[in-house]
Amino acid sequence: MVSEETVFEAIKEIIDPEIGINIVDMGLIYGVDINDTTVDITMTLTSPGCPAGGQIVNGTQHVTQQMEGVEEVNVNVVWTPRWTPEMMTEDAKDELGIF
């Protein structure tokens, strides 16, 4: 059965192509809700004009849809709260040299 943890692990393979860090460590994923075989992902992008936005959202949808036990995936992009670098994991900040 799919779980929040397994979804987070699966979508770690989606890398923000401009920054080179996975979207989970970037802090772009705000939540994962699972209802039977439906997965709802709430996420944001680094900015509304993010040139890689479509690629990131489509990748998130595709990777999650391929998981065993998942029949439907809804990716909801939100702009509140606004993403800031402080939302990144410590590992991501270290990789980018943000202190």
C-alpha atoms as a PDB file:
ATOM      1  CA  MET A   1       0.000   0.000   0.000  1.00  0.00           C
ATOM      2  CA  VAL A   2       1.201   3.472  -0.834  1.00  0.00           C
ATOM      3  CA  SER A   3       2.072   5.768   2.065  1.00  0.00           C
ATOM      4  CA  GLU A   4       3.044   9.400   2.476  1.00  0.00           C
ATOM      5  CA  GLU A   5       6.609   8.301   3.151  1.00  0.00           C
ATOM      6  CA  THR A   6       6.851   6.197  -0.031  1.00  0.00           C
ATOM      7  CA  VAL A   7       5.432   9.046  -2.127  1.00  0.00           C
ATOM      8  CA  PHE A   8       8.010  11.460  -0.707  1.00  0.00           C
ATOM      9  CA  GLU A   9      10.777   8.958  -1.450  1.00  0.00           C
ATOM     10  CA  ALA A  10       9.541   8.410  -5.016  1.00  0.00           C
ATOM     11  CA  ILE A  11       9.299  12.084  -5.885  1.00  0.00           C
ATOM     12  CA  LYS A  12      12.800  12.736  -4.589  1.00  0.00           C
ATOM     13  CA  GLU A  13      13.870  11.592  -8.044  1.00  0.00           C
ATOM     14  CA  ILE A  14      12.432  14.828  -9.493  1.00  0.00           C
ATOM     15  CA  ILE A  15      15.284  17.315  -9.679  1.00  0.00           C
ATOM     16  CA  ASP A  16      14.793  21.038 -10.135  1.00  0.00           C
ATOM     17  CA  PRO A  17      16.853  21.405 -13.339  1.00  0.00           C
ATOM     18  CA  GLU A  18      17.848  24.988 -12.590  1.00  0.00           C
ATOM     19  CA  ILE A  19      19.125  24.288  -9.087  1.00  0.00           C
ATOM     20  CA  GLY A  20      20.103  20.605  -9.247  1.00  0.00           C
ATOM     21  CA  ILE A  21      18.374  19.612  -5.988  1.00  0.00           C
ATOM     22  CA  ASN A  22      15.386  17.285  -5.633  1.00  0.00           C
ATOM     23  CA  ILE A  23      12.020  18.937  -5.086  1.00  0.00           C
ATOM     24  CA  VAL A  24      11.506  17.369  -1.657  1.00  0.00           C
ATOM     25  CA  ASP A  25      14.768  18.751  -0.263  1.00  0.00           C
ATOM     26  CA  MET A  26      14.004  22.060  -1.989  1.00  0.00           C
ATOM     27  CA  GLY A  27      10.905  22.294   0.217  1.00  0.00           C
ATOM     28  CA  LEU A  28       8.531  22.459  -2.751  1.00  0.00           C
ATOM     29  CA  ILE A  29       6.237  19.688  -1.474  1.00  0.00           C
ATOM     30  CA  TYR A  30       3.800  21.026   1.112  1.00  0.00           C
ATOM     31  CA  GLY A  31       1.726  17.898   1.604  1.00  0.00           C
ATOM     32  CA  VAL A  32       0.697  14.437   0.440  1.00  0.00           C
ATOM     33  CA  ASP A  33      -2.791  13.124   1.139  1.00  0.00           C
ATOM     34  CA  ILE A  34      -3.768   9.570   0.306  1.00  0.00           C
ATOM     35  CA  ASN A  35      -7.326   8.333   0.023  1.00  0.00           C
ATOM     36  CA  ASP A  36      -7.345   4.666  -0.998  1.00  0.00           C
ATOM     37  CA  THR A  37      -5.766   4.691  -4.488  1.00  0.00           C
ATOM     38  CA  THR A  38      -5.853   8.471  -4.996  1.00  0.00           C
ATOM     39  CA  VAL A  39      -2.861  10.642  -4.116  1.00  0.00           C
ATOM     40  CA  ASP A  40      -3.229  14.408  -3.748  1.00  0.00           C
ATOM     41  CA  ILE A  41       0.021  16.351  -3.717  1.00  0.00           C
ATOM     42  CA  THR A  42       0.132  19.998  -2.687  1.00  0.00           C
ATOM     43  CA  MET A  43       3.242  21.744  -3.875  1.00  0.00           C
ATOM     44  CA  THR A  44       4.680  25.044  -5.012  1.00  0.00           C
ATOM     45  CA  LEU A  45       7.434  26.235  -7.308  1.00  0.00           C
ATOM     46  CA  THR A  46      10.275  28.624  -6.578  1.00  0.00           C
ATOM     47  CA  SER A  47       8.345  31.353  -8.421  1.00  0.00           C
ATOM     48  CA  PRO A  48       5.152  31.698 -10.474  1.00  0.00           C
ATOM     49  CA  GLY A  49       7.298  32.245 -13.580  1.00  0.00           C
ATOM     50  CA  CYS A  50       9.514  29.213 -12.986  1.00  0.00           C
ATOM     51  CA  PRO A  51      10.590  28.104 -16.482  1.00  0.00           C
ATOM     52  CA  ALA A  52      10.858  24.480 -15.345  1.00  0.00           C
ATOM     53  CA  GLY A  53       7.454  24.529 -13.613  1.00  0.00           C
ATOM     54  CA  GLY A  54       5.666  22.347 -16.159  1.00  0.00           C
ATOM     55  CA  GLN A  55       8.488  19.817 -16.177  1.00  0.00           C
ATOM     56  CA  ILE A  56       8.533  19.622 -12.374  1.00  0.00           C
ATOM     57  CA  VAL A  57       4.753  19.275 -12.007  1.00  0.00           C
ATOM     58  CA  ASN A  58       4.498  16.712 -14.830  1.00  0.00           C
ATOM     59  CA  GLY A  59       7.403  14.732 -13.393  1.00  0.00           C
ATOM     60  CA  THR A  60       5.777  14.676  -9.976  1.00  0.00           C
ATOM     61  CA  GLN A  61       2.516  13.450 -11.506  1.00  0.00           C
ATOM     62  CA  HIS A  62       4.246  10.795 -13.629  1.00  0.00           C
ATOM     63  CA  VAL A  63       6.488   9.346 -10.914  1.00  0.00           C
ATOM     64  CA  THR A  64       3.620   9.112  -8.435  1.00  0.00           C
ATOM     65  CA  GLN A  65       1.267   7.592 -11.024  1.00  0.00           C
ATOM     66  CA  GLN A  66       3.791   4.788 -11.612  1.00  0.00           C
ATOM     67  CA  MET A  67       3.717   3.692  -7.980  1.00  0.00           C
ATOM     68  CA  GLU A  68       2.057   0.400  -7.180  1.00  0.00           C
ATOM     69  CA  GLY A  69      -1.405   0.894  -5.721  1.00  0.00           C
ATOM     70  CA  VAL A  70      -1.873   4.387  -7.189  1.00  0.00           C
ATOM     71  CA  GLU A  71      -4.693   4.887  -9.678  1.00  0.00           C
ATOM     72  CA  GLU A  72      -5.147   8.667  -9.611  1.00  0.00           C
ATOM     73  CA  VAL A  73      -2.797  11.551  -8.857  1.00  0.00           C
ATOM     74  CA  ASN A  74      -3.818  15.168  -8.378  1.00  0.00           C
ATOM     75  CA  VAL A  75      -1.027  17.734  -8.206  1.00  0.00           C
ATOM     76  CA  ASN A  76      -2.190  21.046  -6.789  1.00  0.00           C
ATOM     77  CA  VAL A  77       0.205  23.961  -7.222  1.00  0.00           C
ATOM     78  CA  VAL A  78      -0.302  26.669  -4.624  1.00  0.00           C
ATOM     79  CA  TRP A  79       1.384  30.019  -4.033  1.00  0.00           C
ATOM     80  CA  THR A  80       0.660  30.362  -0.318  1.00  0.00           C
ATOM     81  CA  PRO A  81       2.823  30.125   1.611  1.00  0.00           C
ATOM     82  CA  ARG A  82       5.322  31.563  -0.814  1.00  0.00           C
ATOM     83  CA  TRP A  83       8.449  29.436  -1.210  1.00  0.00           C
ATOM     84  CA  THR A  84      11.648  30.788   0.317  1.00  0.00           C
ATOM     85  CA  PRO A  85      15.134  29.251   0.572  1.00  0.00           C
ATOM     86  CA  GLU A  86      14.534  28.743   4.304  1.00  0.00           C
ATOM     87  CA  MET A  87      12.141  25.908   3.353  1.00  0.00           C
ATOM     88  CA  MET A  88      15.028  23.821   2.029  1.00  0.00           C
ATOM     89  CA  THR A  89      16.458  20.968   4.078  1.00  0.00           C
ATOM     90  CA  GLU A  90      19.790  21.510   5.771  1.00  0.00           C
ATOM     91  CA  ASP A  91      21.401  19.085   3.285  1.00  0.00           C
ATOM     92  CA  ALA A  92      20.117  21.141   0.340  1.00  0.00           C
ATOM     93  CA  LYS A  93      21.311  24.373   1.927  1.00  0.00           C
ATOM     94  CA  ASP A  94      24.742  22.848   2.537  1.00  0.00           C
ATOM     95  CA  GLU A  95      24.936  21.633  -1.053  1.00  0.00           C
ATOM     96  CA  LEU A  96      24.204  25.131  -2.318  1.00  0.00           C
ATOM     97  CA  GLY A  97      26.430  26.824   0.252  1.00  0.00           C
ATOM     98  CA  ILE A  98      23.564  28.624   1.995  1.00  0.00           C
ATOM     99  CA  PHE A  99      24.290  29.274   5.660  1.00  0.00           C
END
